[in-house]
Amino acid sequence: HTLVLDVEEFQGGAKVAKALEQANIIANKNLLPWDSNPVRPSGIRLGSQEVTRIGMKEGDMDVVAELIHQVVAKGADPDVIRNEVIEFKKGFTKVHYCYFEGEEAYDYPSHDGDL
C-alpha cells in the first residue's frame, strides 16, 4: 500500500520528508493535486512494501504511525526518534513474502562480476 498525506500544516512535504529521513523513516515529498508550486510540495508519500517484506503486521503499523506522528505532529527530535526506530526494527531482520523467505533481510550475496 502507498499513502499520500497532506503535511502542509507541518511545514510541507520537503521539510517533513527530511525530518523523517533523519529519524530513519523514509518518505518522499510529493505534490498534491492542489499544489500550485512544484518546488514546494505539500504532501509526503509513504509505502508499506518494505515493512511488509520484513514481516511487520497490522499491529506493528500502530508503532510505525506513532513514530511518524512524534516527528511530524509533535515536533520530536528526529535523532531521538531515530534511536527508537532502530530499536524497534531489530525485531524484523528476516525476509517474508518473497522467494527467499527466512533469509536475512539485508544480507546481500556478493559476486565477482560474473552473472
PDB file of N, CA and C in Angstrom:
ATOM      1  N   HIS A   1       0.825  -1.178   0.000  1.00  0.00           N
ATOM      2  CA  HIS A   1       0.000   0.000   0.000  1.00  0.00           C
ATOM      3  C   HIS A   1       0.874   1.247   0.000  1.00  0.00           C
ATOM      4  N   THR A   2       0.335   2.309  -0.564  1.00  0.00           N
ATOM      5  CA  THR A   2       1.009   3.598  -0.584  1.00  0.00           C
ATOM      6  C   THR A   2       0.048   4.649  -0.040  1.00  0.00           C
ATOM      7  N   LEU A   3       0.567   5.490   0.823  1.00  0.00           N
ATOM      8  CA  LEU A   3      -0.223   6.583   1.390  1.00  0.00           C
ATOM      9  C   LEU A   3       0.358   7.904   0.931  1.00  0.00           C
ATOM     10  N   VAL A   4      -0.502   8.838   0.608  1.00  0.00           N
ATOM     11  CA  VAL A   4      -0.085  10.205   0.323  1.00  0.00           C
ATOM     12  C   VAL A   4      -0.787  11.083   1.351  1.00  0.00           C
ATOM     13  N   LEU A   5       0.009  11.830   2.114  1.00  0.00           N
ATOM     14  CA  LEU A   5      -0.522  12.628   3.214  1.00  0.00           C
ATOM     15  C   LEU A   5      -0.255  14.108   2.995  1.00  0.00           C
ATOM     16  N   ASP A   6      -1.232  14.927   3.307  1.00  0.00           N
ATOM     17  CA  ASP A   6      -1.075  16.379   3.257  1.00  0.00           C
ATOM     18  C   ASP A   6      -0.425  16.824   4.568  1.00  0.00           C
ATOM     19  N   VAL A   7       0.797  17.329   4.477  1.00  0.00           N
ATOM     20  CA  VAL A   7       1.539  17.769   5.669  1.00  0.00           C
ATOM     21  C   VAL A   7       1.868  19.258   5.596  1.00  0.00           C
ATOM     22  N   GLU A   8       1.085  19.993   4.820  1.00  0.00           N
ATOM     23  CA  GLU A   8       1.333  21.428   4.666  1.00  0.00           C
ATOM     24  C   GLU A   8       1.341  22.139   6.018  1.00  0.00           C
ATOM     25  N   GLU A   9       0.440  21.775   6.906  1.00  0.00           N
ATOM     26  CA  GLU A   9       0.383  22.450   8.211  1.00  0.00           C
ATOM     27  C   GLU A   9       1.597  22.135   9.083  1.00  0.00           C
ATOM     28  N   PHE A  10       2.405  21.173   8.669  1.00  0.00           N
ATOM     29  CA  PHE A  10       3.620  20.811   9.411  1.00  0.00           C
ATOM     30  C   PHE A  10       4.872  21.179   8.618  1.00  0.00           C
ATOM     31  N   GLN A  11       4.831  22.260   7.871  1.00  0.00           N
ATOM     32  CA  GLN A  11       5.946  22.834   7.112  1.00  0.00           C
ATOM     33  C   GLN A  11       6.142  22.217   5.732  1.00  0.00           C
ATOM     34  N   GLY A  12       5.207  21.427   5.266  1.00  0.00           N
ATOM     35  CA  GLY A  12       5.256  20.942   3.899  1.00  0.00           C
ATOM     36  C   GLY A  12       6.055  19.672   3.700  1.00  0.00           C
ATOM     37  N   GLY A  13       5.908  19.121   2.502  1.00  0.00           N
ATOM     38  CA  GLY A  13       6.466  17.820   2.182  1.00  0.00           C
ATOM     39  C   GLY A  13       7.971  17.712   2.246  1.00  0.00           C
ATOM     40  N   ALA A  14       8.680  18.706   1.745  1.00  0.00           N
ATOM     41  CA  ALA A  14      10.143  18.625   1.715  1.00  0.00           C
ATOM     42  C   ALA A  14      10.726  18.588   3.123  1.00  0.00           C
ATOM     43  N   LYS A  15      10.268  19.478   3.985  1.00  0.00           N
ATOM     44  CA  LYS A  15      10.806  19.530   5.350  1.00  0.00           C
ATOM     45  C   LYS A  15      10.403  18.304   6.157  1.00  0.00           C
ATOM     46  N   VAL A  16       9.173  17.861   5.988  1.00  0.00           N
ATOM     47  CA  VAL A  16       8.714  16.676   6.720  1.00  0.00           C
ATOM     48  C   VAL A  16       9.477  15.436   6.258  1.00  0.00           C
ATOM     49  N   ALA A  17       9.643  15.270   4.948  1.00  0.00           N
ATOM     50  CA  ALA A  17      10.385  14.110   4.435  1.00  0.00           C
ATOM     51  C   ALA A  17      11.819  14.110   4.955  1.00  0.00           C
ATOM     52  N   LYS A  18      12.435  15.278   5.015  1.00  0.00           N
ATOM     53  CA  LYS A  18      13.808  15.379   5.519  1.00  0.00           C
ATOM     54  C   LYS A  18      13.875  15.029   7.005  1.00  0.00           C
ATOM     55  N   ALA A  19      12.922  15.522   7.797  1.00  0.00           N
ATOM     56  CA  ALA A  19      12.897  15.209   9.230  1.00  0.00           C
ATOM     57  C   ALA A  19      12.674  13.714   9.450  1.00  0.00           C
ATOM     58  N   LEU A  20      11.779  13.115   8.667  1.00  0.00           N
ATOM     59  CA  LEU A  20      11.543  11.679   8.800  1.00  0.00           C
ATOM     60  C   LEU A  20      12.785  10.881   8.414  1.00  0.00           C
ATOM     61  N   GLU A  21      13.464  11.303   7.359  1.00  0.00           N
ATOM     62  CA  GLU A  21      14.695  10.613   6.964  1.00  0.00           C
ATOM     63  C   GLU A  21      15.728  10.675   8.080  1.00  0.00           C
ATOM     64  N   GLN A  22      15.828  11.816   8.730  1.00  0.00           N
ATOM     65  CA  GLN A  22      16.757  11.957   9.855  1.00  0.00           C
ATOM     66  C   GLN A  22      16.388  10.984  10.981  1.00  0.00           C
ATOM     67  N   ALA A  23      15.099  10.661  11.083  1.00  0.00           N
ATOM     68  CA  ALA A  23      14.622   9.714  12.091  1.00  0.00           C
ATOM     69  C   ALA A  23      14.687   8.268  11.593  1.00  0.00           C
ATOM     70  N   ASN A  24      15.271   8.050  10.416  1.00  0.00           N
ATOM     71  CA  ASN A  24      15.418   6.718   9.825  1.00  0.00           C
ATOM     72  C   ASN A  24      14.082   6.159   9.327  1.00  0.00           C
ATOM     73  N   ILE A  25      13.193   7.059   8.940  1.00  0.00           N
ATOM     74  CA  ILE A  25      11.913   6.694   8.331  1.00  0.00           C
ATOM     75  C   ILE A  25      11.914   7.336   6.944  1.00  0.00           C
ATOM     76  N   ILE A  26      11.847   6.523   5.912  1.00  0.00           N
ATOM     77  CA  ILE A  26      11.982   7.047   4.560  1.00  0.00           C
ATOM     78  C   ILE A  26      10.609   7.376   3.976  1.00  0.00           C
ATOM     79  N   ALA A  27      10.478   8.605   3.514  1.00  0.00           N
ATOM     80  CA  ALA A  27       9.276   9.102   2.841  1.00  0.00           C
ATOM     81  C   ALA A  27       9.747   9.991   1.696  1.00  0.00           C
ATOM     82  N   ASN A  28       8.870  10.232   0.753  1.00  0.00           N
ATOM     83  CA  ASN A  28       9.177  11.133  -0.352  1.00  0.00           C
ATOM     84  C   ASN A  28       8.285  12.355  -0.270  1.00  0.00           C
ATOM     85  N   LYS A  29       8.853  13.518  -0.580  1.00  0.00           N
ATOM     86  CA  LYS A  29       7.994  14.692  -0.752  1.00  0.00           C
ATOM     87  C   LYS A  29       7.138  14.419  -1.980  1.00  0.00           C
ATOM     88  N   ASN A  30       5.930  14.921  -1.978  1.00  0.00           N
ATOM     89  CA  ASN A  30       5.010  14.584  -3.051  1.00  0.00           C
ATOM     90  C   ASN A  30       4.042  15.734  -3.319  1.00  0.00           C
ATOM     91  N   LEU A  31       3.917  16.099  -4.590  1.00  0.00           N
ATOM     92  CA  LEU A  31       2.926  17.108  -4.961  1.00  0.00           C
ATOM     93  C   LEU A  31       1.526  16.548  -4.766  1.00  0.00           C
ATOM     94  N   LEU A  32       0.633  17.398  -4.317  1.00  0.00           N
ATOM     95  CA  LEU A  32      -0.774  17.042  -4.208  1.00  0.00           C
ATOM     96  C   LEU A  32      -1.539  17.777  -5.298  1.00  0.00           C
ATOM     97  N   PRO A  33      -2.722  17.302  -5.680  1.00  0.00           N
ATOM     98  CA  PRO A  33      -3.435  17.892  -6.825  1.00  0.00           C
ATOM     99  C   PRO A  33      -3.627  19.399  -6.738  1.00  0.00           C
ATOM    100  N   TRP A  34      -3.743  19.948  -5.559  1.00  0.00           N
ATOM    101  CA  TRP A  34      -4.000  21.385  -5.410  1.00  0.00           C
ATOM    102  C   TRP A  34      -2.724  22.217  -5.274  1.00  0.00           C
ATOM    103  N   ASP A  35      -1.563  21.582  -5.286  1.00  0.00           N
ATOM    104  CA  ASP A  35      -0.310  22.338  -5.184  1.00  0.00           C
ATOM    105  C   ASP A  35      -0.098  23.174  -6.438  1.00  0.00           C
ATOM    106  N   SER A  36       0.211  24.453  -6.248  1.00  0.00           N
ATOM    107  CA  SER A  36       0.452  25.338  -7.388  1.00  0.00           C
ATOM    108  C   SER A  36       1.937  25.577  -7.621  1.00  0.00           C
ATOM    109  N   ASN A  37       2.774  25.271  -6.641  1.00  0.00           N
ATOM    110  CA  ASN A  37       4.212  25.483  -6.756  1.00  0.00           C
ATOM    111  C   ASN A  37       4.918  24.126  -6.697  1.00  0.00           C
ATOM    112  N   PRO A  38       5.436  23.649  -7.835  1.00  0.00           N
ATOM    113  CA  PRO A  38       6.072  22.333  -7.849  1.00  0.00           C
ATOM    114  C   PRO A  38       7.343  22.253  -7.003  1.00  0.00           C
ATOM    115  N   VAL A  39       7.893  23.387  -6.635  1.00  0.00           N
ATOM    116  CA  VAL A  39       9.098  23.406  -5.807  1.00  0.00           C
ATOM    117  C   VAL A  39       8.751  23.206  -4.330  1.00  0.00           C
ATOM    118  N   ARG A  40       7.497  23.460  -3.982  1.00  0.00           N
ATOM    119  CA  ARG A  40       7.085  23.350  -2.581  1.00  0.00           C
ATOM    120  C   ARG A  40       5.883  22.408  -2.454  1.00  0.00           C
ATOM    121  N   PRO A  41       6.138  21.088  -2.519  1.00  0.00           N
ATOM    122  CA  PRO A  41       5.037  20.135  -2.399  1.00  0.00           C
ATOM    123  C   PRO A  41       4.472  20.127  -0.982  1.00  0.00           C
ATOM    124  N   SER A  42       3.175  19.943  -0.889  1.00  0.00           N
ATOM    125  CA  SER A  42       2.548  19.945   0.436  1.00  0.00           C
ATOM    126  C   SER A  42       2.334  18.542   0.986  1.00  0.00           C
ATOM    127  N   GLY A  43       2.743  17.534   0.241  1.00  0.00           N
ATOM    128  CA  GLY A  43       2.494  16.167   0.688  1.00  0.00           C
ATOM    129  C   GLY A  43       3.744  15.328   0.833  1.00  0.00           C
ATOM    130  N   ILE A  44       3.545  14.175   1.465  1.00  0.00           N
ATOM    131  CA  ILE A  44       4.575  13.137   1.506  1.00  0.00           C
ATOM    132  C   ILE A  44       3.932  11.828   1.066  1.00  0.00           C
ATOM    133  N   ARG A  45       4.777  10.926   0.602  1.00  0.00           N
ATOM    134  CA  ARG A  45       4.324   9.600   0.192  1.00  0.00           C
ATOM    135  C   ARG A  45       5.038   8.573   1.053  1.00  0.00           C
ATOM    136  N   LEU A  46       4.265   7.658   1.615  1.00  0.00           N
ATOM    137  CA  LEU A  46       4.792   6.569   2.435  1.00  0.00           C
ATOM    138  C   LEU A  46       4.336   5.249   1.824  1.00  0.00           C
ATOM    139  N   GLY A  47       5.221   4.270   1.814  1.00  0.00           N
ATOM    140  CA  GLY A  47       4.861   2.948   1.317  1.00  0.00           C
ATOM    141  C   GLY A  47       5.049   1.894   2.391  1.00  0.00           C
ATOM    142  N   SER A  48       4.231   0.868   2.343  1.00  0.00           N
ATOM    143  CA  SER A  48       4.340  -0.207   3.333  1.00  0.00           C
ATOM    144  C   SER A  48       5.028  -1.448   2.776  1.00  0.00           C
ATOM    145  N   GLN A  49       5.532  -1.389   1.561  1.00  0.00           N
ATOM    146  CA  GLN A  49       6.111  -2.564   0.929  1.00  0.00           C
ATOM    147  C   GLN A  49       7.294  -3.127   1.719  1.00  0.00           C
ATOM    148  N   GLU A  50       8.217  -2.272   2.101  1.00  0.00           N
ATOM    149  CA  GLU A  50       9.429  -2.754   2.779  1.00  0.00           C
ATOM    150  C   GLU A  50       9.124  -3.292   4.173  1.00  0.00           C
ATOM    151  N   VAL A  51       8.288  -2.601   4.926  1.00  0.00           N
ATOM    152  CA  VAL A  51       7.990  -3.092   6.277  1.00  0.00           C
ATOM    153  C   VAL A  51       7.211  -4.402   6.212  1.00  0.00           C
ATOM    154  N   THR A  52       6.400  -4.584   5.184  1.00  0.00           N
ATOM    155  CA  THR A  52       5.712  -5.858   4.990  1.00  0.00           C
ATOM    156  C   THR A  52       6.720  -6.943   4.636  1.00  0.00           C
ATOM    157  N   ARG A  53       7.664  -6.618   3.789  1.00  0.00           N
ATOM    158  CA  ARG A  53       8.678  -7.584   3.346  1.00  0.00           C
ATOM    159  C   ARG A  53       9.487  -8.129   4.514  1.00  0.00           C
ATOM    160  N   ILE A  54       9.694  -7.309   5.544  1.00  0.00           N
ATOM    161  CA  ILE A  54      10.478  -7.777   6.689  1.00  0.00           C
ATOM    162  C   ILE A  54       9.593  -8.272   7.833  1.00  0.00           C
ATOM    163  N   GLY A  55       8.298  -8.476   7.539  1.00  0.00           N
ATOM    164  CA  GLY A  55       7.435  -9.189   8.465  1.00  0.00           C
ATOM    165  C   GLY A  55       6.556  -8.379   9.394  1.00  0.00           C
ATOM    166  N   MET A  56       6.493  -7.073   9.220  1.00  0.00           N
ATOM    167  CA  MET A  56       5.612  -6.291  10.090  1.00  0.00           C
ATOM    168  C   MET A  56       4.162  -6.567   9.726  1.00  0.00           C
ATOM    169  N   LYS A  57       3.326  -6.577  10.755  1.00  0.00           N
ATOM    170  CA  LYS A  57       1.893  -6.845  10.602  1.00  0.00           C
ATOM    171  C   LYS A  57       1.095  -5.594  10.978  1.00  0.00           C
ATOM    172  N   GLU A  58      -0.227  -5.742  10.973  1.00  0.00           N
ATOM    173  CA  GLU A  58      -1.111  -4.607  11.236  1.00  0.00           C
ATOM    174  C   GLU A  58      -0.787  -3.924  12.562  1.00  0.00           C
ATOM    175  N   GLY A  59      -0.592  -4.693  13.615  1.00  0.00           N
ATOM    176  CA  GLY A  59      -0.295  -4.114  14.926  1.00  0.00           C
ATOM    177  C   GLY A  59       0.997  -3.323  14.949  1.00  0.00           C
ATOM    178  N   ASP A  60       1.953  -3.745  14.148  1.00  0.00           N
ATOM    179  CA  ASP A  60       3.226  -3.027  14.072  1.00  0.00           C
ATOM    180  C   ASP A  60       3.059  -1.667  13.404  1.00  0.00           C
ATOM    181  N   MET A  61       2.044  -1.545  12.550  1.00  0.00           N
ATOM    182  CA  MET A  61       1.799  -0.267  11.885  1.00  0.00           C
ATOM    183  C   MET A  61       1.389   0.804  12.892  1.00  0.00           C
ATOM    184  N   ASP A  62       0.777   0.384  14.013  1.00  0.00           N
ATOM    185  CA  ASP A  62       0.456   1.355  15.069  1.00  0.00           C
ATOM    186  C   ASP A  62       1.729   1.989  15.616  1.00  0.00           C
ATOM    187  N   VAL A  63       2.761   1.176  15.780  1.00  0.00           N
ATOM    188  CA  VAL A  63       4.047   1.685  16.280  1.00  0.00           C
ATOM    189  C   VAL A  63       4.673   2.606  15.241  1.00  0.00           C
ATOM    190  N   VAL A  64       4.678   2.171  13.983  1.00  0.00           N
ATOM    191  CA  VAL A  64       5.238   2.987  12.905  1.00  0.00           C
ATOM    192  C   VAL A  64       4.499   4.324  12.820  1.00  0.00           C
ATOM    193  N   ALA A  65       3.180   4.277  12.867  1.00  0.00           N
ATOM    194  CA  ALA A  65       2.379   5.509  12.798  1.00  0.00           C
ATOM    195  C   ALA A  65       2.700   6.439  13.964  1.00  0.00           C
ATOM    196  N   GLU A  66       2.878   5.882  15.149  1.00  0.00           N
ATOM    197  CA  GLU A  66       3.190   6.715  16.313  1.00  0.00           C
ATOM    198  C   GLU A  66       4.566   7.360  16.168  1.00  0.00           C
ATOM    199  N   LEU A  67       5.532   6.640  15.638  1.00  0.00           N
ATOM    200  CA  LEU A  67       6.863   7.208  15.420  1.00  0.00           C
ATOM    201  C   LEU A  67       6.791   8.361  14.417  1.00  0.00           C
ATOM    202  N   ILE A  68       6.031   8.168  13.346  1.00  0.00           N
ATOM    203  CA  ILE A  68       5.842   9.237  12.359  1.00  0.00           C
ATOM    204  C   ILE A  68       5.135  10.426  13.010  1.00  0.00           C
ATOM    205  N   HIS A  69       4.107  10.156  13.782  1.00  0.00           N
ATOM    206  CA  HIS A  69       3.349  11.206  14.469  1.00  0.00           C
ATOM    207  C   HIS A  69       4.251  12.021  15.397  1.00  0.00           C
ATOM    208  N   GLN A  70       5.140  11.348  16.101  1.00  0.00           N
ATOM    209  CA  GLN A  70       6.039  12.046  17.021  1.00  0.00           C
ATOM    210  C   GLN A  70       6.906  13.061  16.277  1.00  0.00           C
ATOM    211  N   VAL A  71       7.426  12.672  15.120  1.00  0.00           N
ATOM    212  CA  VAL A  71       8.291  13.572  14.350  1.00  0.00           C
ATOM    213  C   VAL A  71       7.475  14.675  13.682  1.00  0.00           C
ATOM    214  N   VAL A  72       6.403  14.293  13.000  1.00  0.00           N
ATOM    215  CA  VAL A  72       5.664  15.243  12.167  1.00  0.00           C
ATOM    216  C   VAL A  72       4.782  16.177  12.994  1.00  0.00           C
ATOM    217  N   ALA A  73       3.915  15.631  13.812  1.00  0.00           N
ATOM    218  CA  ALA A  73       2.917  16.446  14.509  1.00  0.00           C
ATOM    219  C   ALA A  73       3.381  16.960  15.861  1.00  0.00           C
ATOM    220  N   LYS A  74       4.210  16.187  16.538  1.00  0.00           N
ATOM    221  CA  LYS A  74       4.648  16.584  17.879  1.00  0.00           C
ATOM    222  C   LYS A  74       5.977  17.333  17.870  1.00  0.00           C
ATOM    223  N   GLY A  75       6.679  17.306  16.732  1.00  0.00           N
ATOM    224  CA  GLY A  75       7.953  18.018  16.635  1.00  0.00           C
ATOM    225  C   GLY A  75       9.069  17.398  17.451  1.00  0.00           C
ATOM    226  N   ALA A  76       8.987  16.085  17.694  1.00  0.00           N
ATOM    227  CA  ALA A  76      10.032  15.401  18.456  1.00  0.00           C
ATOM    228  C   ALA A  76      11.354  15.458  17.700  1.00  0.00           C
ATOM    229  N   ASP A  77      12.436  15.431  18.442  1.00  0.00           N
ATOM    230  CA  ASP A  77      13.778  15.449  17.860  1.00  0.00           C
ATOM    231  C   ASP A  77      13.969  14.186  17.016  1.00  0.00           C
ATOM    232  N   PRO A  78      14.185  14.327  15.702  1.00  0.00           N
ATOM    233  CA  PRO A  78      14.358  13.153  14.849  1.00  0.00           C
ATOM    234  C   PRO A  78      15.492  12.232  15.298  1.00  0.00           C
ATOM    235  N   ASP A  79      16.538  12.788  15.899  1.00  0.00           N
ATOM    236  CA  ASP A  79      17.643  11.946  16.355  1.00  0.00           C
ATOM    237  C   ASP A  79      17.221  11.041  17.507  1.00  0.00           C
ATOM    238  N   VAL A  80      16.341  11.528  18.359  1.00  0.00           N
ATOM    239  CA  VAL A  80      15.818  10.710  19.457  1.00  0.00           C
ATOM    240  C   VAL A  80      14.915   9.614  18.891  1.00  0.00           C
ATOM    241  N   ILE A  81      14.038   9.982  17.977  1.00  0.00           N
ATOM    242  CA  ILE A  81      13.128   9.011  17.363  1.00  0.00           C
ATOM    243  C   ILE A  81      13.916   7.994  16.551  1.00  0.00           C
ATOM    244  N   ARG A  82      15.010   8.420  15.935  1.00  0.00           N
ATOM    245  CA  ARG A  82      15.859   7.502  15.168  1.00  0.00           C
ATOM    246  C   ARG A  82      16.288   6.321  16.029  1.00  0.00           C
ATOM    247  N   ASN A  83      16.680   6.592  17.257  1.00  0.00           N
ATOM    248  CA  ASN A  83      17.089   5.507  18.153  1.00  0.00           C
ATOM    249  C   ASN A  83      15.932   4.557  18.431  1.00  0.00           C
ATOM    250  N   GLU A  84      14.722   5.098  18.579  1.00  0.00           N
ATOM    251  CA  GLU A  84      13.541   4.255  18.788  1.00  0.00           C
ATOM    252  C   GLU A  84      13.253   3.413  17.544  1.00  0.00           C
ATOM    253  N   VAL A  85      13.403   4.010  16.368  1.00  0.00           N
ATOM    254  CA  VAL A  85      13.182   3.292  15.115  1.00  0.00           C
ATOM    255  C   VAL A  85      14.178   2.144  14.990  1.00  0.00           C
ATOM    256  N   ILE A  86      15.439   2.424  15.253  1.00  0.00           N
ATOM    257  CA  ILE A  86      16.471   1.388  15.158  1.00  0.00           C
ATOM    258  C   ILE A  86      16.173   0.250  16.125  1.00  0.00           C
ATOM    259  N   GLU A  87      15.802   0.580  17.341  1.00  0.00           N
ATOM    260  CA  GLU A  87      15.492  -0.447  18.345  1.00  0.00           C
ATOM    261  C   GLU A  87      14.265  -1.264  17.926  1.00  0.00           C
ATOM    262  N   PHE A  88      13.227  -0.596  17.453  1.00  0.00           N
ATOM    263  CA  PHE A  88      12.011  -1.289  17.023  1.00  0.00           C
ATOM    264  C   PHE A  88      12.307  -2.239  15.870  1.00  0.00           C
ATOM    265  N   LYS A  89      13.116  -1.784  14.920  1.00  0.00           N
ATOM    266  CA  LYS A  89      13.381  -2.572  13.718  1.00  0.00           C
ATOM    267  C   LYS A  89      14.259  -3.790  13.983  1.00  0.00           C
ATOM    268  N   LYS A  90      14.922  -3.839  15.122  1.00  0.00           N
ATOM    269  CA  LYS A  90      15.755  -5.002  15.446  1.00  0.00           C
ATOM    270  C   LYS A  90      14.949  -6.297  15.462  1.00  0.00           C
ATOM    271  N   GLY A  91      13.669  -6.204  15.709  1.00  0.00           N
ATOM    272  CA  GLY A  91      12.813  -7.388  15.717  1.00  0.00           C
ATOM    273  C   GLY A  91      12.394  -7.860  14.339  1.00  0.00           C
ATOM    274  N   PHE A  92      12.855  -7.190  13.312  1.00  0.00           N
ATOM    275  CA  PHE A  92      12.433  -7.505  11.944  1.00  0.00           C
ATOM    276  C   PHE A  92      13.659  -7.594  11.044  1.00  0.00           C
ATOM    277  N   THR A  93      14.283  -8.759  11.028  1.00  0.00           N
ATOM    278  CA  THR A  93      15.519  -8.911  10.256  1.00  0.00           C
ATOM    279  C   THR A  93      15.436 -10.003   9.196  1.00  0.00           C
ATOM    280  N   LYS A  94      14.328 -10.685   9.110  1.00  0.00           N
ATOM    281  CA  LYS A  94      14.171 -11.771   8.135  1.00  0.00           C
ATOM    282  C   LYS A  94      13.205 -11.356   7.032  1.00  0.00           C
ATOM    283  N   VAL A  95      13.475 -11.863   5.843  1.00  0.00           N
ATOM    284  CA  VAL A  95      12.625 -11.601   4.692  1.00  0.00           C
ATOM    285  C   VAL A  95      11.375 -12.480   4.778  1.00  0.00           C
ATOM    286  N   HIS A  96      10.234 -11.902   4.477  1.00  0.00           N
ATOM    287  CA  HIS A  96       8.963 -12.618   4.396  1.00  0.00           C
ATOM    288  C   HIS A  96       8.327 -12.295   3.053  1.00  0.00           C
ATOM    289  N   TYR A  97       7.439 -13.124   2.614  1.00  0.00           N
ATOM    290  CA  TYR A  97       6.640 -12.857   1.422  1.00  0.00           C
ATOM    291  C   TYR A  97       7.485 -12.637   0.168  1.00  0.00           C
ATOM    292  N   CYS A  98       8.466 -13.508  -0.038  1.00  0.00           N
ATOM    293  CA  CYS A  98       9.257 -13.427  -1.269  1.00  0.00           C
ATOM    294  C   CYS A  98       9.877 -14.792  -1.542  1.00  0.00           C
ATOM    295  N   TYR A  99      10.692 -14.884  -2.554  1.00  0.00           N
ATOM    296  CA  TYR A  99      11.297 -16.154  -2.933  1.00  0.00           C
ATOM    297  C   TYR A  99      12.274 -16.693  -1.904  1.00  0.00           C
ATOM    298  N   PHE A 100      12.884 -15.819  -1.136  1.00  0.00           N
ATOM    299  CA  PHE A 100      13.918 -16.232  -0.193  1.00  0.00           C
ATOM    300  C   PHE A 100      13.455 -16.057   1.248  1.00  0.00           C
ATOM    301  N   GLU A 101      12.236 -16.467   1.551  1.00  0.00           N
ATOM    302  CA  GLU A 101      11.662 -16.267   2.881  1.00  0.00           C
ATOM    303  C   GLU A 101      12.542 -16.894   3.955  1.00  0.00           C
ATOM    304  N   GLY A 102      12.740 -16.140   5.021  1.00  0.00           N
ATOM    305  CA  GLY A 102      13.524 -16.618   6.153  1.00  0.00           C
ATOM    306  C   GLY A 102      14.985 -16.223   6.106  1.00  0.00           C
ATOM    307  N   GLU A 103      15.452 -15.697   4.984  1.00  0.00           N
ATOM    308  CA  GLU A 103      16.840 -15.257   4.900  1.00  0.00           C
ATOM    309  C   GLU A 103      16.980 -13.874   5.525  1.00  0.00           C
ATOM    310  N   GLU A 104      18.225 -13.516   5.848  1.00  0.00           N
ATOM    311  CA  GLU A 104      18.495 -12.187   6.394  1.00  0.00           C
ATOM    312  C   GLU A 104      18.027 -11.137   5.391  1.00  0.00           C
ATOM    313  N   ALA A 105      17.328 -10.139   5.885  1.00  0.00           N
ATOM    314  CA  ALA A 105      16.724  -9.138   5.006  1.00  0.00           C
ATOM    315  C   ALA A 105      17.749  -8.265   4.297  1.00  0.00           C
ATOM    316  N   TYR A 106      18.879  -8.018   4.921  1.00  0.00           N
ATOM    317  CA  TYR A 106      19.846  -7.085   4.340  1.00  0.00           C
ATOM    318  C   TYR A 106      21.215  -7.718   4.170  1.00  0.00           C
ATOM    319  N   ASP A 107      21.238  -9.018   3.939  1.00  0.00           N
ATOM    320  CA  ASP A 107      22.482  -9.744   3.717  1.00  0.00           C
ATOM    321  C   ASP A 107      22.521 -10.117   2.242  1.00  0.00           C
ATOM    322  N   TYR A 108      23.100  -9.234   1.439  1.00  0.00           N
ATOM    323  CA  TYR A 108      23.089  -9.435   0.006  1.00  0.00           C
ATOM    324  C   TYR A 108      24.305 -10.251  -0.420  1.00  0.00           C
ATOM    325  N   PRO A 109      24.100 -11.237  -1.279  1.00  0.00           N
ATOM    326  CA  PRO A 109      25.244 -12.023  -1.742  1.00  0.00           C
ATOM    327  C   PRO A 109      26.168 -11.169  -2.604  1.00  0.00           C
ATOM    328  N   SER A 110      27.443 -11.399  -2.462  1.00  0.00           N
ATOM    329  CA  SER A 110      28.400 -10.681  -3.306  1.00  0.00           C
ATOM    330  C   SER A 110      28.740 -11.570  -4.491  1.00  0.00           C
ATOM    331  N   HIS A 111      29.243 -10.951  -5.517  1.00  0.00           N
ATOM    332  CA  HIS A 111      29.686 -11.722  -6.676  1.00  0.00           C
ATOM    333  C   HIS A 111      30.928 -11.057  -7.242  1.00  0.00           C
ATOM    334  N   ASP A 112      31.633 -11.797  -8.049  1.00  0.00           N
ATOM    335  CA  ASP A 112      32.894 -11.292  -8.590  1.00  0.00           C
ATOM    336  C   ASP A 112      32.717 -10.631  -9.948  1.00  0.00           C
ATOM    337  N   GLY A 113      31.520 -10.298 -10.291  1.00  0.00           N
ATOM    338  CA  GLY A 113      31.270  -9.651 -11.572  1.00  0.00           C
ATOM    339  C   GLY A 113      30.667 -10.589 -12.591  1.00  0.00           C
ATOM    340  N   ASP A 114      30.741 -11.901 -12.351  1.00  0.00           N
ATOM    341  CA  ASP A 114      30.138 -12.861 -13.266  1.00  0.00           C
ATOM    342  C   ASP A 114      28.643 -12.949 -13.005  1.00  0.00           C
ATOM    343  N   LEU A 115      27.888 -13.054 -14.054  1.00  0.00           N
ATOM    344  CA  LEU A 115      26.436 -13.197 -13.900  1.00  0.00           C
ATOM    345  C   LEU A 115      26.022 -14.618 -14.076  1.00  0.00           C
TER     346      LEU A 115
END
